[in-house]
C-alpha atoms as a PDB file:
ATOM      1  CA  MET A   1       8.534 -42.014 -73.398  1.00  0.00           C
ATOM      2  CA  SER A   2       7.713 -45.654 -74.322  1.00  0.00           C
ATOM      3  CA  LYS A   3       4.165 -46.265 -75.656  1.00  0.00           C
ATOM      4  CA  ARG A   4       3.797 -48.857 -72.925  1.00  0.00           C
ATOM      5  CA  GLN A   5       4.875 -46.462 -70.224  1.00  0.00           C
ATOM      6  CA  LYS A   6       1.894 -44.892 -68.449  1.00  0.00           C
ATOM      7  CA  THR A   7       3.719 -42.013 -66.689  1.00  0.00           C
ATOM      8  CA  LEU A   8       5.766 -39.022 -67.823  1.00  0.00           C
ATOM      9  CA  VAL A   9       8.580 -38.635 -65.400  1.00  0.00           C
ATOM     10  CA  ILE A  10      10.270 -35.230 -65.071  1.00  0.00           C
ATOM     11  CA  GLY A  11      13.269 -34.219 -62.947  1.00  0.00           C
ATOM     12  CA  ILE A  12      13.689 -30.610 -61.760  1.00  0.00           C
ATOM     13  CA  ASP A  13      17.082 -29.725 -60.336  1.00  0.00           C
ATOM     14  CA  GLY A  14      19.038 -26.622 -59.456  1.00  0.00           C
ATOM     15  CA  GLY A  15      20.715 -25.080 -56.389  1.00  0.00           C
ATOM     16  CA  GLY A  16      18.843 -24.478 -53.187  1.00  0.00           C
ATOM     17  CA  ALA A  17      16.157 -21.773 -53.513  1.00  0.00           C
ATOM     18  CA  ALA A  18      16.562 -21.608 -57.290  1.00  0.00           C
ATOM     19  CA  GLY A  19      12.825 -22.028 -57.880  1.00  0.00           C
ATOM     20  CA  LYS A  20      12.383 -25.804 -58.261  1.00  0.00           C
ATOM     21  CA  SER A  21       9.364 -26.222 -55.996  1.00  0.00           C
ATOM     22  CA  THR A  22       7.749 -23.105 -57.518  1.00  0.00           C
ATOM     23  CA  LEU A  23       8.114 -24.585 -61.005  1.00  0.00           C
ATOM     24  CA  ALA A  24       6.698 -27.880 -59.804  1.00  0.00           C
ATOM     25  CA  ARG A  25       3.677 -26.051 -58.411  1.00  0.00           C
ATOM     26  CA  LYS A  26       3.242 -24.373 -61.809  1.00  0.00           C
ATOM     27  CA  PHE A  27       2.960 -27.750 -63.431  1.00  0.00           C
ATOM     28  CA  GLN A  28       0.323 -28.723 -60.891  1.00  0.00           C
ATOM     29  CA  TYR A  29      -1.533 -25.506 -61.519  1.00  0.00           C
ATOM     30  CA  LEU A  30      -1.605 -26.205 -65.271  1.00  0.00           C
ATOM     31  CA  ASN A  31      -2.446 -29.912 -65.044  1.00  0.00           C
ATOM     32  CA  ASP A  32      -4.541 -31.817 -62.428  1.00  0.00           C
ATOM     33  CA  ASP A  33      -2.767 -35.050 -63.153  1.00  0.00           C
ATOM     34  CA  VAL A  34       0.611 -34.120 -61.665  1.00  0.00           C
ATOM     35  CA  THR A  35       2.235 -35.709 -58.671  1.00  0.00           C
ATOM     36  CA  VAL A  36       5.204 -33.927 -57.143  1.00  0.00           C
ATOM     37  CA  VAL A  37       7.855 -35.796 -55.123  1.00  0.00           C
ATOM     38  CA  HIS A  38      10.266 -33.587 -53.141  1.00  0.00           C
ATOM     39  CA  MET A  39      13.866 -34.542 -52.670  1.00  0.00           C
ATOM     40  CA  ASP A  40      13.644 -32.907 -49.198  1.00  0.00           C
ATOM     41  CA  ASP A  41      11.376 -35.791 -48.173  1.00  0.00           C
ATOM     42  CA  PHE A  42      14.464 -38.060 -48.589  1.00  0.00           C
ATOM     43  CA  TYR A  43      16.778 -36.196 -46.172  1.00  0.00           C
ATOM     44  CA  TYR A  44      18.506 -38.626 -43.897  1.00  0.00           C
ATOM     45  CA  PRO A  45      17.684 -38.488 -40.140  1.00  0.00           C
ATOM     46  CA  THR A  46      20.647 -37.300 -38.025  1.00  0.00           C
ATOM     47  CA  LYS A  47      21.643 -40.745 -36.817  1.00  0.00           C
ATOM     48  CA  GLU A  48      22.058 -41.892 -40.425  1.00  0.00           C
ATOM     49  CA  ARG A  49      23.716 -38.746 -41.650  1.00  0.00           C
ATOM     50  CA  LYS A  50      26.444 -39.275 -38.987  1.00  0.00           C
ATOM     51  CA  LEU A  51      27.440 -42.497 -40.684  1.00  0.00           C
ATOM     52  CA  ILE A  52      28.059 -40.960 -44.092  1.00  0.00           C
ATOM     53  CA  ASN A  53      31.478 -39.973 -45.351  1.00  0.00           C
ATOM     54  CA  HIS A  54      30.823 -36.495 -46.724  1.00  0.00           C
ATOM     55  CA  GLN A  55      34.258 -36.238 -48.156  1.00  0.00           C
ATOM     56  CA  THR A  56      33.437 -38.942 -50.729  1.00  0.00           C
ATOM     57  CA  GLU A  57      29.689 -39.055 -51.039  1.00  0.00           C
ATOM     58  CA  ILE A  58      28.056 -36.465 -53.272  1.00  0.00           C
ATOM     59  CA  GLY A  59      24.906 -34.996 -51.676  1.00  0.00           C
ATOM     60  CA  GLY A  60      25.324 -37.416 -48.827  1.00  0.00           C
ATOM     61  CA  ASN A  61      22.553 -35.818 -46.706  1.00  0.00           C
ATOM     62  CA  TRP A  62      19.946 -37.024 -49.187  1.00  0.00           C
ATOM     63  CA  ASP A  63      19.016 -40.710 -49.607  1.00  0.00           C
ATOM     64  CA  TRP A  64      19.005 -41.036 -53.398  1.00  0.00           C
ATOM     65  CA  ASN A  65      18.768 -44.819 -53.102  1.00  0.00           C
ATOM     66  CA  ARG A  66      15.262 -44.450 -51.724  1.00  0.00           C
ATOM     67  CA  VAL A  67      14.310 -42.104 -54.571  1.00  0.00           C
ATOM     68  CA  LEU A  68      15.607 -44.719 -57.015  1.00  0.00           C
ATOM     69  CA  ASN A  69      14.133 -47.857 -55.479  1.00  0.00           C
ATOM     70  CA  GLN A  70      10.906 -46.588 -53.941  1.00  0.00           C
ATOM     71  CA  VAL A  71       9.894 -44.108 -56.646  1.00  0.00           C
ATOM     72  CA  LEU A  72      11.681 -44.105 -59.975  1.00  0.00           C
ATOM     73  CA  VAL A  73      12.179 -47.782 -60.651  1.00  0.00           C
ATOM     74  CA  PRO A  74       8.630 -48.769 -59.737  1.00  0.00           C
ATOM     75  CA  ILE A  75       7.154 -45.937 -61.826  1.00  0.00           C
ATOM     76  CA  LYS A  76       9.248 -46.878 -64.822  1.00  0.00           C
ATOM     77  CA  GLN A  77       7.949 -50.399 -64.372  1.00  0.00           C
ATOM     78  CA  ASN A  78       4.348 -49.106 -64.389  1.00  0.00           C
ATOM     79  CA  GLU A  79       3.962 -49.714 -60.683  1.00  0.00           C
ATOM     80  CA  ASN A  80       2.996 -47.224 -57.963  1.00  0.00           C
ATOM     81  CA  GLY A  81       5.851 -45.662 -55.973  1.00  0.00           C
ATOM     82  CA  TYR A  82       5.694 -45.835 -52.205  1.00  0.00           C
ATOM     83  CA  TYR A  83       7.999 -43.888 -49.839  1.00  0.00           C
ATOM     84  CA  GLN A  84       8.296 -42.423 -46.369  1.00  0.00           C
ATOM     85  CA  ILE A  85       8.744 -38.674 -45.907  1.00  0.00           C
ATOM     86  CA  TYR A  86      11.306 -37.041 -43.680  1.00  0.00           C
ATOM     87  CA  ASP A  87       9.865 -34.985 -40.840  1.00  0.00           C
ATOM     88  CA  TRP A  88      12.289 -31.992 -40.571  1.00  0.00           C
ATOM     89  CA  ASP A  89      10.879 -30.837 -37.216  1.00  0.00           C
ATOM     90  CA  ASN A  90      11.177 -34.225 -35.492  1.00  0.00           C
ATOM     91  CA  ASP A  91      14.138 -35.645 -37.461  1.00  0.00           C
ATOM     92  CA  ILE A  92      12.407 -38.949 -38.288  1.00  0.00           C
ATOM     93  CA  LEU A  93      10.842 -40.714 -41.227  1.00  0.00           C
ATOM     94  CA  THR A  94       7.041 -40.563 -40.862  1.00  0.00           C
ATOM     95  CA  GLU A  95       4.013 -41.513 -42.932  1.00  0.00           C
ATOM     96  CA  TRP A  96       4.133 -43.351 -46.204  1.00  0.00           C
ATOM     97  CA  HIS A  97       3.067 -41.704 -49.467  1.00  0.00           C
ATOM     98  CA  THR A  98       1.918 -43.364 -52.702  1.00  0.00           C
ATOM     99  CA  VAL A  99       3.060 -42.085 -56.055  1.00  0.00           C
ATOM    100  CA  PRO A 100       0.425 -43.211 -58.580  1.00  0.00           C
ATOM    101  CA  ILE A 101       1.236 -44.188 -62.116  1.00  0.00           C
ATOM    102  CA  GLY A 102      -0.385 -42.336 -64.935  1.00  0.00           C
ATOM    103  CA  GLY A 103      -0.148 -38.625 -65.768  1.00  0.00           C
ATOM    104  CA  ILE A 104       3.010 -36.812 -64.743  1.00  0.00           C
ATOM    105  CA  VAL A 105       5.395 -37.460 -61.901  1.00  0.00           C
ATOM    106  CA  ILE A 106       7.870 -34.724 -60.991  1.00  0.00           C
ATOM    107  CA  ILE A 107      10.891 -35.329 -58.810  1.00  0.00           C
ATOM    108  CA  GLU A 108      12.060 -31.887 -57.719  1.00  0.00           C
ATOM    109  CA  GLY A 109      14.980 -30.865 -55.616  1.00  0.00           C
ATOM    110  CA  CYS A 110      18.740 -30.512 -55.574  1.00  0.00           C
ATOM    111  CA  TYR A 111      20.460 -33.778 -56.498  1.00  0.00           C
ATOM    112  CA  SER A 112      17.410 -35.009 -58.464  1.00  0.00           C
ATOM    113  CA  LEU A 113      19.477 -35.066 -61.689  1.00  0.00           C
ATOM    114  CA  ARG A 114      22.435 -36.909 -60.136  1.00  0.00           C
ATOM    115  CA  LYS A 115      23.892 -39.441 -62.493  1.00  0.00           C
ATOM    116  CA  GLU A 116      22.361 -42.335 -60.546  1.00  0.00           C
ATOM    117  CA  LEU A 117      18.876 -40.980 -61.203  1.00  0.00           C
ATOM    118  CA  SER A 118      19.076 -38.804 -64.331  1.00  0.00           C
ATOM    119  CA  PHE A 119      18.811 -41.547 -66.956  1.00  0.00           C
ATOM    120  CA  LEU A 120      15.355 -42.525 -65.643  1.00  0.00           C
ATOM    121  CA  TYR A 121      13.689 -39.233 -66.462  1.00  0.00           C
ATOM    122  CA  ASP A 122      11.807 -38.497 -69.663  1.00  0.00           C
ATOM    123  CA  VAL A 123      12.490 -34.810 -69.307  1.00  0.00           C
ATOM    124  CA  ARG A 124      15.295 -33.190 -67.268  1.00  0.00           C
ATOM    125  CA  ILE A 125      14.956 -29.537 -66.248  1.00  0.00           C
ATOM    126  CA  TRP A 126      17.697 -27.348 -64.692  1.00  0.00           C
ATOM    127  CA  ILE A 127      16.938 -23.970 -63.017  1.00  0.00           C
ATOM    128  CA  GLU A 128      19.921 -21.683 -63.111  1.00  0.00           C
ATOM    129  CA  SER A 129      20.312 -18.996 -60.449  1.00  0.00           C
ATOM    130  CA  PRO A 130      23.437 -17.434 -58.867  1.00  0.00           C
ATOM    131  CA  GLN A 131      24.439 -18.524 -55.391  1.00  0.00           C
ATOM    132  CA  ASP A 132      24.143 -15.080 -53.785  1.00  0.00           C
ATOM    133  CA  ILE A 133      20.522 -14.778 -54.841  1.00  0.00           C
ATOM    134  CA  ARG A 134      19.694 -18.341 -53.727  1.00  0.00           C
ATOM    135  CA  LEU A 135      21.363 -17.838 -50.351  1.00  0.00           C
ATOM    136  CA  GLU A 136      19.306 -14.787 -49.476  1.00  0.00           C
ATOM    137  CA  ARG A 137      16.135 -16.440 -50.787  1.00  0.00           C
ATOM    138  CA  GLY A 138      16.778 -19.557 -48.800  1.00  0.00           C
ATOM    139  CA  VAL A 139      17.639 -17.794 -45.494  1.00  0.00           C
ATOM    140  CA  GLN A 140      14.550 -15.648 -45.864  1.00  0.00           C
ATOM    141  CA  ARG A 141      12.350 -18.598 -46.630  1.00  0.00           C
ATOM    142  CA  ASP A 142      13.658 -20.462 -43.616  1.00  0.00           C
ATOM    143  CA  GLY A 143      13.043 -17.548 -41.287  1.00  0.00           C
ATOM    144  CA  GLY A 144      16.601 -16.457 -40.977  1.00  0.00           C
ATOM    145  CA  GLY A 145      17.774 -19.172 -38.562  1.00  0.00           C
ATOM    146  CA  ASN A 146      19.518 -21.503 -41.011  1.00  0.00           C
ATOM    147  CA  ARG A 147      22.184 -19.188 -42.466  1.00  0.00           C
ATOM    148  CA  ASP A 148      25.076 -21.249 -40.992  1.00  0.00           C
ATOM    149  CA  MET A 149      23.674 -24.459 -42.463  1.00  0.00           C
ATOM    150  CA  TRP A 150      23.294 -22.759 -45.828  1.00  0.00           C
ATOM    151  CA  GLU A 151      26.764 -21.255 -45.900  1.00  0.00           C
ATOM    152  CA  LYS A 152      28.727 -24.117 -44.210  1.00  0.00           C
ATOM    153  CA  VAL A 153      26.882 -27.266 -45.248  1.00  0.00           C
ATOM    154  CA  TRP A 154      24.261 -27.079 -48.033  1.00  0.00           C
ATOM    155  CA  LEU A 155      25.874 -24.602 -50.401  1.00  0.00           C
ATOM    156  CA  PRO A 156      29.394 -26.170 -50.258  1.00  0.00           C
ATOM    157  CA  ASP A 157      27.829 -29.612 -50.777  1.00  0.00           C
ATOM    158  CA  GLU A 158      25.852 -28.295 -53.770  1.00  0.00           C
ATOM    159  CA  ASP A 159      28.947 -26.720 -55.258  1.00  0.00           C
ATOM    160  CA  ARG A 160      30.775 -30.027 -55.081  1.00  0.00           C
ATOM    161  CA  TYR A 161      27.824 -31.763 -56.722  1.00  0.00           C
ATOM    162  CA  PHE A 162      27.786 -29.195 -59.539  1.00  0.00           C
ATOM    163  CA  GLU A 163      31.503 -29.492 -60.072  1.00  0.00           C
ATOM    164  CA  VAL A 164      31.797 -33.257 -59.980  1.00  0.00           C
ATOM    165  CA  GLN A 165      28.592 -34.472 -61.610  1.00  0.00           C
ATOM    166  CA  LYS A 166      27.712 -31.362 -63.747  1.00  0.00           C
ATOM    167  CA  PRO A 167      23.953 -32.004 -63.560  1.00  0.00           C
ATOM    168  CA  ALA A 168      23.159 -28.893 -65.685  1.00  0.00           C
ATOM    169  CA  ASP A 169      24.876 -30.464 -68.661  1.00  0.00           C
ATOM    170  CA  SER A 170      22.431 -33.410 -68.717  1.00  0.00           C
ATOM    171  CA  ALA A 171      19.355 -31.123 -68.686  1.00  0.00           C
ATOM    172  CA  ASP A 172      17.079 -31.044 -71.665  1.00  0.00           C
ATOM    173  CA  ILE A 173      15.724 -27.635 -70.602  1.00  0.00           C
ATOM    174  CA  VAL A 174      17.474 -24.843 -68.770  1.00  0.00           C
ATOM    175  CA  ILE A 175      15.373 -22.140 -67.075  1.00  0.00           C
ATOM    176  CA  ASP A 176      16.422 -18.709 -65.768  1.00  0.00           C
ATOM    177  CA  GLY A 177      15.497 -18.742 -62.040  1.00  0.00           C
ATOM    178  CA  THR A 178      16.751 -15.255 -61.122  1.00  0.00           C
ATOM    179  CA  GLY A 179      13.399 -13.549 -61.449  1.00  0.00           C
ATOM    180  CA  HIS A 180      15.099 -10.885 -63.585  1.00  0.00           C
ATOM    181  CA  ASN A 181      13.996 -12.440 -66.847  1.00  0.00           C
ATOM    182  CA  GLY A 182      10.829 -14.474 -66.355  1.00  0.00           C
ATOM    183  CA  ASP A 183       9.761 -14.682 -62.693  1.00  0.00           C
ATOM    184  CA  ILE A 184       8.915 -18.248 -61.751  1.00  0.00           C
ATOM    185  CA  SER A 185       7.097 -17.026 -58.588  1.00  0.00           C
ATOM    186  CA  LYS A 186       4.688 -15.240 -60.954  1.00  0.00           C
ATOM    187  CA  PHE A 187       4.474 -18.285 -63.226  1.00  0.00           C
ATOM    188  CA  GLU A 188       6.560 -16.554 -65.878  1.00  0.00           C
ATOM    189  CA  VAL A 189       9.179 -18.915 -67.091  1.00  0.00           C
ATOM    190  CA  ASN A 190      12.125 -17.889 -69.249  1.00  0.00           C
ATOM    191  CA  ILE A 191      13.707 -20.749 -71.199  1.00  0.00           C
ATOM    192  CA  ASP A 192      17.483 -20.392 -71.570  1.00  0.00           C
ATOM    193  CA  ARG A 193      17.905 -23.646 -73.475  1.00  0.00           C
ATOM    194  CA  ALA A 194      15.533 -26.278 -74.842  1.00  0.00           C
ATOM    195  CA  PRO A 195      15.413 -28.661 -77.788  1.00  0.00           C
ATOM    196  CA  GLU A 196      13.332 -27.836 -80.853  1.00  0.00           C
ATOM    197  CA  ASN A 197       9.666 -28.798 -80.596  1.00  0.00           C
ATOM    198  CA  TRP A 198      10.080 -29.667 -76.897  1.00  0.00           C
ATOM    199  CA  LEU A 199       6.469 -28.636 -76.087  1.00  0.00           C
ATOM    200  CA  GLU A 200       5.253 -31.473 -78.309  1.00  0.00           C
END
């Protein structure tokens, strides 16, 4: 991070229900000066999603341009970020949120390490967890009613993202999100890969 830069920017990516939000909450638990921005807040409303060519656009349901222009670019220029969140119940963009400079800003969610965004992070974290585990977690978390969306839309889209952009390869730190070896939900984190002296 540049000495002139006031904010440490962290990206946390991984498949759906890998443990990204849980890890972000751990950071908030350990440090009061952490702001978390969720990729799910940048989901396109239906009327806009219908205009996207999902055969060519990676992660086309998520508006990465808003993440870039409303959050990451301003923060890297030492200016507050400012963005609208997506209301999943009403399928609209709602209130505006400010992302203050200073401290730590975490962008968490699938597609957060896509190539168009990855270069702007100071630290890139990938959470590795098999699809079968993530599917059952995600369906259970959503109350059981979204299995079709998980199986027919979200997981295939994620697989294509993983295959084409290989976001895990850009990560500085890889974490085991299975819960079998370091349970993120219990704030136990198992590091699979990290550079030497990364805690410094």
